[in-house]
């Protein structure tokens, strides 16, 4: 099985992690009903993409935020 190549820079991954934390905390303490679950799902997606370094939407749009200069 081939793993997709990372397409997120370190800064992009840090921002996604912070967004995941904010979404989770917002859902936990301030939201109720369906909005709570929507924010949990968005937080989980943001967390998974920040940890893996791969974003499927970036892949479909041919976006790569990694600076490949050597």
PDB file of N, CA and C in Angstrom:
ATOM      1  N   UNK A   1       0.845  -1.183   0.000  1.00  0.00           N
ATOM      2  CA  UNK A   1       0.000   0.000   0.000  1.00  0.00           C
ATOM      3  C   UNK A   1       0.886   1.239   0.000  1.00  0.00           C
ATOM      4  N   UNK A   2       0.626   2.139  -0.923  1.00  0.00           N
ATOM      5  CA  UNK A   2       1.402   3.371  -1.018  1.00  0.00           C
ATOM      6  C   UNK A   2       0.797   4.446  -0.139  1.00  0.00           C
ATOM      7  N   UNK A   3       1.640   5.065   0.671  1.00  0.00           N
ATOM      8  CA  UNK A   3       1.189   6.173   1.501  1.00  0.00           C
ATOM      9  C   UNK A   3       1.321   7.465   0.704  1.00  0.00           C
ATOM     10  N   UNK A   4       0.343   8.356   0.813  1.00  0.00           N
ATOM     11  CA  UNK A   4       0.447   9.625   0.088  1.00  0.00           C
ATOM     12  C   UNK A   4       1.592  10.467   0.640  1.00  0.00           C
ATOM     13  N   UNK A   5       2.212  11.215  -0.243  1.00  0.00           N
ATOM     14  CA  UNK A   5       3.300  12.089   0.169  1.00  0.00           C
ATOM     15  C   UNK A   5       2.758  13.292   0.922  1.00  0.00           C
ATOM     16  N   UNK A   6       3.483  13.746   1.939  1.00  0.00           N
ATOM     17  CA  UNK A   6       3.046  14.954   2.670  1.00  0.00           C
ATOM     18  C   UNK A   6       2.970  16.157   1.732  1.00  0.00           C
ATOM     19  N   UNK A   7       1.972  16.999   1.947  1.00  0.00           N
ATOM     20  CA  UNK A   7       1.833  18.198   1.123  1.00  0.00           C
ATOM     21  C   UNK A   7       1.561  19.437   1.977  1.00  0.00           C
ATOM     22  N   UNK A   8       1.883  19.350   3.279  1.00  0.00           N
ATOM     23  CA  UNK A   8       1.697  20.482   4.186  1.00  0.00           C
ATOM     24  C   UNK A   8       3.030  20.865   4.813  1.00  0.00           C
ATOM     25  N   UNK A   9       3.272  22.160   4.869  1.00  0.00           N
ATOM     26  CA  UNK A   9       4.490  22.644   5.513  1.00  0.00           C
ATOM     27  C   UNK A   9       4.351  22.527   7.031  1.00  0.00           C
ATOM     28  N   UNK A  10       5.463  22.709   7.724  1.00  0.00           N
ATOM     29  CA  UNK A  10       5.448  22.640   9.187  1.00  0.00           C
ATOM     30  C   UNK A  10       4.532  23.715   9.774  1.00  0.00           C
ATOM     31  N   UNK A  11       4.589  24.919   9.224  1.00  0.00           N
ATOM     32  CA  UNK A  11       3.731  26.013   9.705  1.00  0.00           C
ATOM     33  C   UNK A  11       2.256  25.681   9.466  1.00  0.00           C
ATOM     34  N   UNK A  12       1.945  25.118   8.329  1.00  0.00           N
ATOM     35  CA  UNK A  12       0.578  24.720   7.998  1.00  0.00           C
ATOM     36  C   UNK A  12       0.076  23.674   8.995  1.00  0.00           C
ATOM     37  N   UNK A  13       0.933  22.729   9.347  1.00  0.00           N
ATOM     38  CA  UNK A  13       0.554  21.678  10.286  1.00  0.00           C
ATOM     39  C   UNK A  13       0.323  22.243  11.696  1.00  0.00           C
ATOM     40  N   UNK A  14       1.132  23.202  12.097  1.00  0.00           N
ATOM     41  CA  UNK A  14       0.963  23.824  13.418  1.00  0.00           C
ATOM     42  C   UNK A  14      -0.354  24.594  13.477  1.00  0.00           C
ATOM     43  N   UNK A  15      -0.651  25.344  12.421  1.00  0.00           N
ATOM     44  CA  UNK A  15      -1.908  26.103  12.369  1.00  0.00           C
ATOM     45  C   UNK A  15      -3.100  25.154  12.416  1.00  0.00           C
ATOM     46  N   UNK A  16      -3.034  24.055  11.690  1.00  0.00           N
ATOM     47  CA  UNK A  16      -4.124  23.073  11.703  1.00  0.00           C
ATOM     48  C   UNK A  16      -4.304  22.459  13.095  1.00  0.00           C
ATOM     49  N   UNK A  17      -3.204  22.215  13.793  1.00  0.00           N
ATOM     50  CA  UNK A  17      -3.293  21.655  15.142  1.00  0.00           C
ATOM     51  C   UNK A  17      -3.975  22.643  16.092  1.00  0.00           C
ATOM     52  N   UNK A  18      -3.608  23.906  15.980  1.00  0.00           N
ATOM     53  CA  UNK A  18      -4.227  24.939  16.819  1.00  0.00           C
ATOM     54  C   UNK A  18      -5.715  25.072  16.488  1.00  0.00           C
ATOM     55  N   UNK A  19      -6.057  25.039  15.212  1.00  0.00           N
ATOM     56  CA  UNK A  19      -7.465  25.098  14.808  1.00  0.00           C
ATOM     57  C   UNK A  19      -8.228  23.908  15.372  1.00  0.00           C
ATOM     58  N   UNK A  20      -7.624  22.724  15.341  1.00  0.00           N
ATOM     59  CA  UNK A  20      -8.274  21.532  15.891  1.00  0.00           C
ATOM     60  C   UNK A  20      -8.555  21.706  17.378  1.00  0.00           C
ATOM     61  N   UNK A  21      -7.592  22.256  18.118  1.00  0.00           N
ATOM     62  CA  UNK A  21      -7.778  22.472  19.555  1.00  0.00           C
ATOM     63  C   UNK A  21      -8.896  23.479  19.817  1.00  0.00           C
ATOM     64  N   UNK A  22      -8.934  24.556  19.052  1.00  0.00           N
ATOM     65  CA  UNK A  22      -9.970  25.580  19.227  1.00  0.00           C
ATOM     66  C   UNK A  22     -11.350  25.002  18.900  1.00  0.00           C
ATOM     67  N   UNK A  23     -11.458  24.243  17.817  1.00  0.00           N
ATOM     68  CA  UNK A  23     -12.731  23.632  17.453  1.00  0.00           C
ATOM     69  C   UNK A  23     -13.204  22.664  18.528  1.00  0.00           C
ATOM     70  N   UNK A  24     -12.284  21.855  19.045  1.00  0.00           N
ATOM     71  CA  UNK A  24     -12.647  20.892  20.082  1.00  0.00           C
ATOM     72  C   UNK A  24     -13.122  21.594  21.358  1.00  0.00           C
ATOM     73  N   UNK A  25     -12.377  22.582  21.795  1.00  0.00           N
ATOM     74  CA  UNK A  25     -12.749  23.300  23.021  1.00  0.00           C
ATOM     75  C   UNK A  25     -14.061  24.065  22.856  1.00  0.00           C
ATOM     76  N   UNK A  26     -14.261  24.635  21.674  1.00  0.00           N
ATOM     77  CA  UNK A  26     -15.516  25.331  21.404  1.00  0.00           C
ATOM     78  C   UNK A  26     -16.685  24.354  21.483  1.00  0.00           C
ATOM     79  N   UNK A  27     -16.530  23.191  20.868  1.00  0.00           N
ATOM     80  CA  UNK A  27     -17.595  22.186  20.903  1.00  0.00           C
ATOM     81  C   UNK A  27     -17.839  21.695  22.322  1.00  0.00           C
ATOM     82  N   UNK A  28     -16.779  21.499  23.062  1.00  0.00           N
ATOM     83  CA  UNK A  28     -16.889  20.941  24.411  1.00  0.00           C
ATOM     84  C   UNK A  28     -17.615  21.884  25.371  1.00  0.00           C
ATOM     85  N   UNK A  29     -17.317  23.162  25.308  1.00  0.00           N
ATOM     86  CA  UNK A  29     -17.798  24.081  26.325  1.00  0.00           C
ATOM     87  C   UNK A  29     -18.905  25.035  25.905  1.00  0.00           C
ATOM     88  N   UNK A  30     -19.074  25.291  24.590  1.00  0.00           N
ATOM     89  CA  UNK A  30     -20.014  26.335  24.202  1.00  0.00           C
ATOM     90  C   UNK A  30     -21.105  25.903  23.232  1.00  0.00           C
ATOM     91  N   UNK A  31     -20.997  24.736  22.665  1.00  0.00           N
ATOM     92  CA  UNK A  31     -21.990  24.340  21.666  1.00  0.00           C
ATOM     93  C   UNK A  31     -22.851  23.186  22.155  1.00  0.00           C
ATOM     94  N   UNK A  32     -24.027  23.093  21.583  1.00  0.00           N
ATOM     95  CA  UNK A  32     -24.953  22.029  21.941  1.00  0.00           C
ATOM     96  C   UNK A  32     -25.595  21.476  20.676  1.00  0.00           C
ATOM     97  N   UNK A  33     -26.149  20.300  20.777  1.00  0.00           N
ATOM     98  CA  UNK A  33     -26.877  19.709  19.662  1.00  0.00           C
ATOM     99  C   UNK A  33     -25.965  19.318  18.521  1.00  0.00           C
ATOM    100  N   UNK A  34     -26.504  19.451  17.315  1.00  0.00           N
ATOM    101  CA  UNK A  34     -25.797  19.010  16.114  1.00  0.00           C
ATOM    102  C   UNK A  34     -24.511  19.797  15.887  1.00  0.00           C
ATOM    103  N   UNK A  35     -24.485  21.081  16.291  1.00  0.00           N
ATOM    104  CA  UNK A  35     -23.282  21.902  16.092  1.00  0.00           C
ATOM    105  C   UNK A  35     -22.093  21.345  16.858  1.00  0.00           C
ATOM    106  N   UNK A  36     -22.340  20.780  18.026  1.00  0.00           N
ATOM    107  CA  UNK A  36     -21.264  20.177  18.809  1.00  0.00           C
ATOM    108  C   UNK A  36     -20.603  19.056  18.011  1.00  0.00           C
ATOM    109  N   UNK A  37     -21.415  18.198  17.398  1.00  0.00           N
ATOM    110  CA  UNK A  37     -20.871  17.066  16.651  1.00  0.00           C
ATOM    111  C   UNK A  37     -20.185  17.504  15.357  1.00  0.00           C
ATOM    112  N   UNK A  38     -20.720  18.521  14.721  1.00  0.00           N
ATOM    113  CA  UNK A  38     -20.075  19.049  13.520  1.00  0.00           C
ATOM    114  C   UNK A  38     -18.685  19.579  13.865  1.00  0.00           C
ATOM    115  N   UNK A  39     -18.573  20.307  14.966  1.00  0.00           N
ATOM    116  CA  UNK A  39     -17.270  20.846  15.373  1.00  0.00           C
ATOM    117  C   UNK A  39     -16.310  19.740  15.785  1.00  0.00           C
ATOM    118  N   UNK A  40     -16.819  18.680  16.412  1.00  0.00           N
ATOM    119  CA  UNK A  40     -15.970  17.537  16.748  1.00  0.00           C
ATOM    120  C   UNK A  40     -15.406  16.884  15.488  1.00  0.00           C
ATOM    121  N   UNK A  41     -16.238  16.716  14.474  1.00  0.00           N
ATOM    122  CA  UNK A  41     -15.783  16.111  13.222  1.00  0.00           C
ATOM    123  C   UNK A  41     -14.742  17.001  12.545  1.00  0.00           C
ATOM    124  N   UNK A  42     -14.999  18.300  12.495  1.00  0.00           N
ATOM    125  CA  UNK A  42     -14.027  19.226  11.896  1.00  0.00           C
ATOM    126  C   UNK A  42     -12.711  19.233  12.676  1.00  0.00           C
ATOM    127  N   UNK A  43     -12.792  19.154  13.996  1.00  0.00           N
ATOM    128  CA  UNK A  43     -11.592  19.100  14.819  1.00  0.00           C
ATOM    129  C   UNK A  43     -10.810  17.823  14.536  1.00  0.00           C
ATOM    130  N   UNK A  44     -11.506  16.698  14.406  1.00  0.00           N
ATOM    131  CA  UNK A  44     -10.841  15.429  14.128  1.00  0.00           C
ATOM    132  C   UNK A  44     -10.149  15.448  12.768  1.00  0.00           C
ATOM    133  N   UNK A  45     -10.814  15.989  11.766  1.00  0.00           N
ATOM    134  CA  UNK A  45     -10.208  16.088  10.431  1.00  0.00           C
ATOM    135  C   UNK A  45      -8.975  16.976  10.475  1.00  0.00           C
ATOM    136  N   UNK A  46      -9.086  18.114  11.133  1.00  0.00           N
ATOM    137  CA  UNK A  46      -7.951  19.030  11.233  1.00  0.00           C
ATOM    138  C   UNK A  46      -6.785  18.396  11.993  1.00  0.00           C
ATOM    139  N   UNK A  47      -7.099  17.671  13.056  1.00  0.00           N
ATOM    140  CA  UNK A  47      -6.053  17.003  13.834  1.00  0.00           C
ATOM    141  C   UNK A  47      -5.360  15.928  13.001  1.00  0.00           C
ATOM    142  N   UNK A  48      -6.127  15.111  12.293  1.00  0.00           N
ATOM    143  CA  UNK A  48      -5.543  14.032  11.490  1.00  0.00           C
ATOM    144  C   UNK A  48      -4.664  14.579  10.369  1.00  0.00           C
ATOM    145  N   UNK A  49      -5.106  15.650   9.715  1.00  0.00           N
ATOM    146  CA  UNK A  49      -4.277  16.213   8.650  1.00  0.00           C
ATOM    147  C   UNK A  49      -3.017  16.864   9.220  1.00  0.00           C
ATOM    148  N   UNK A  50      -3.124  17.453  10.414  1.00  0.00           N
ATOM    149  CA  UNK A  50      -1.929  18.067  11.010  1.00  0.00           C
ATOM    150  C   UNK A  50      -0.922  17.007  11.436  1.00  0.00           C
ATOM    151  N   UNK A  51      -1.388  15.874  11.904  1.00  0.00           N
ATOM    152  CA  UNK A  51      -0.474  14.815  12.338  1.00  0.00           C
ATOM    153  C   UNK A  51       0.134  14.057  11.159  1.00  0.00           C
ATOM    154  N   UNK A  52      -0.647  13.863  10.106  1.00  0.00           N
ATOM    155  CA  UNK A  52      -0.145  13.094   8.959  1.00  0.00           C
ATOM    156  C   UNK A  52       0.655  13.950   7.983  1.00  0.00           C
ATOM    157  N   UNK A  53       0.346  15.236   7.916  1.00  0.00           N
ATOM    158  CA  UNK A  53       1.033  16.112   6.966  1.00  0.00           C
ATOM    159  C   UNK A  53       0.438  16.030   5.570  1.00  0.00           C
ATOM    160  N   UNK A  54      -0.658  15.300   5.432  1.00  0.00           N
ATOM    161  CA  UNK A  54      -1.296  15.135   4.127  1.00  0.00           C
ATOM    162  C   UNK A  54      -2.726  15.656   4.180  1.00  0.00           C
ATOM    163  N   UNK A  55      -3.089  16.466   3.194  1.00  0.00           N
ATOM    164  CA  UNK A  55      -4.453  16.992   3.076  1.00  0.00           C
ATOM    165  C   UNK A  55      -5.009  16.549   1.726  1.00  0.00           C
ATOM    166  N   UNK A  56      -6.106  15.792   1.755  1.00  0.00           N
ATOM    167  CA  UNK A  56      -6.722  15.308   0.530  1.00  0.00           C
ATOM    168  C   UNK A  56      -7.222  16.434  -0.362  1.00  0.00           C
ATOM    169  N   UNK A  57      -7.767  17.491   0.253  1.00  0.00           N
ATOM    170  CA  UNK A  57      -8.243  18.627  -0.531  1.00  0.00           C
ATOM    171  C   UNK A  57      -7.080  19.309  -1.243  1.00  0.00           C
ATOM    172  N   UNK A  58      -5.951  19.473  -0.553  1.00  0.00           N
ATOM    173  CA  UNK A  58      -4.763  20.035  -1.190  1.00  0.00           C
ATOM    174  C   UNK A  58      -4.347  19.167  -2.375  1.00  0.00           C
ATOM    175  N   UNK A  59      -4.420  17.864  -2.207  1.00  0.00           N
ATOM    176  CA  UNK A  59      -4.034  16.947  -3.266  1.00  0.00           C
ATOM    177  C   UNK A  59      -4.928  17.115  -4.495  1.00  0.00           C
ATOM    178  N   UNK A  60      -6.229  17.216  -4.281  1.00  0.00           N
ATOM    179  CA  UNK A  60      -7.161  17.391  -5.401  1.00  0.00           C
ATOM    180  C   UNK A  60      -6.954  18.724  -6.101  1.00  0.00           C
ATOM    181  N   UNK A  61      -6.605  19.764  -5.336  1.00  0.00           N
ATOM    182  CA  UNK A  61      -6.399  21.093  -5.908  1.00  0.00           C
ATOM    183  C   UNK A  61      -4.960  21.336  -6.351  1.00  0.00           C
ATOM    184  N   UNK A  62      -4.113  20.297  -6.220  1.00  0.00           N
ATOM    185  CA  UNK A  62      -2.694  20.375  -6.606  1.00  0.00           C
ATOM    186  C   UNK A  62      -1.953  21.484  -5.842  1.00  0.00           C
ATOM    187  N   UNK A  63      -2.232  21.576  -4.530  1.00  0.00           N
ATOM    188  CA  UNK A  63      -1.568  22.553  -3.666  1.00  0.00           C
ATOM    189  C   UNK A  63      -0.530  21.823  -2.835  1.00  0.00           C
ATOM    190  N   UNK A  64       0.642  22.401  -2.714  1.00  0.00           N
ATOM    191  CA  UNK A  64       1.702  21.841  -1.890  1.00  0.00           C
ATOM    192  C   UNK A  64       2.377  23.007  -1.175  1.00  0.00           C
ATOM    193  N   UNK A  65       2.270  23.055   0.142  1.00  0.00           N
ATOM    194  CA  UNK A  65       2.842  24.168   0.899  1.00  0.00           C
ATOM    195  C   UNK A  65       4.250  23.883   1.404  1.00  0.00           C
ATOM    196  N   UNK A  66       4.771  22.711   1.072  1.00  0.00           N
ATOM    197  CA  UNK A  66       6.141  22.379   1.481  1.00  0.00           C
ATOM    198  C   UNK A  66       7.112  23.066   0.536  1.00  0.00           C
ATOM    199  N   UNK A  67       8.098  23.756   1.105  1.00  0.00           N
ATOM    200  CA  UNK A  67       9.124  24.412   0.317  1.00  0.00           C
ATOM    201  C   UNK A  67      10.195  23.384   0.000  1.00  0.00           C
ATOM    202  N   UNK A  68      10.297  22.969  -1.257  1.00  0.00           N
ATOM    203  CA  UNK A  68      11.211  21.889  -1.652  1.00  0.00           C
ATOM    204  C   UNK A  68      12.574  22.385  -2.117  1.00  0.00           C
ATOM    205  N   UNK A  69      12.954  23.597  -1.798  1.00  0.00           N
ATOM    206  CA  UNK A  69      14.273  24.101  -2.195  1.00  0.00           C
ATOM    207  C   UNK A  69      15.340  23.411  -1.364  1.00  0.00           C
ATOM    208  N   UNK A  70      16.404  22.984  -2.034  1.00  0.00           N
ATOM    209  CA  UNK A  70      17.514  22.313  -1.341  1.00  0.00           C
ATOM    210  C   UNK A  70      18.820  22.990  -1.634  1.00  0.00           C
TER     211      UNK A  70
END
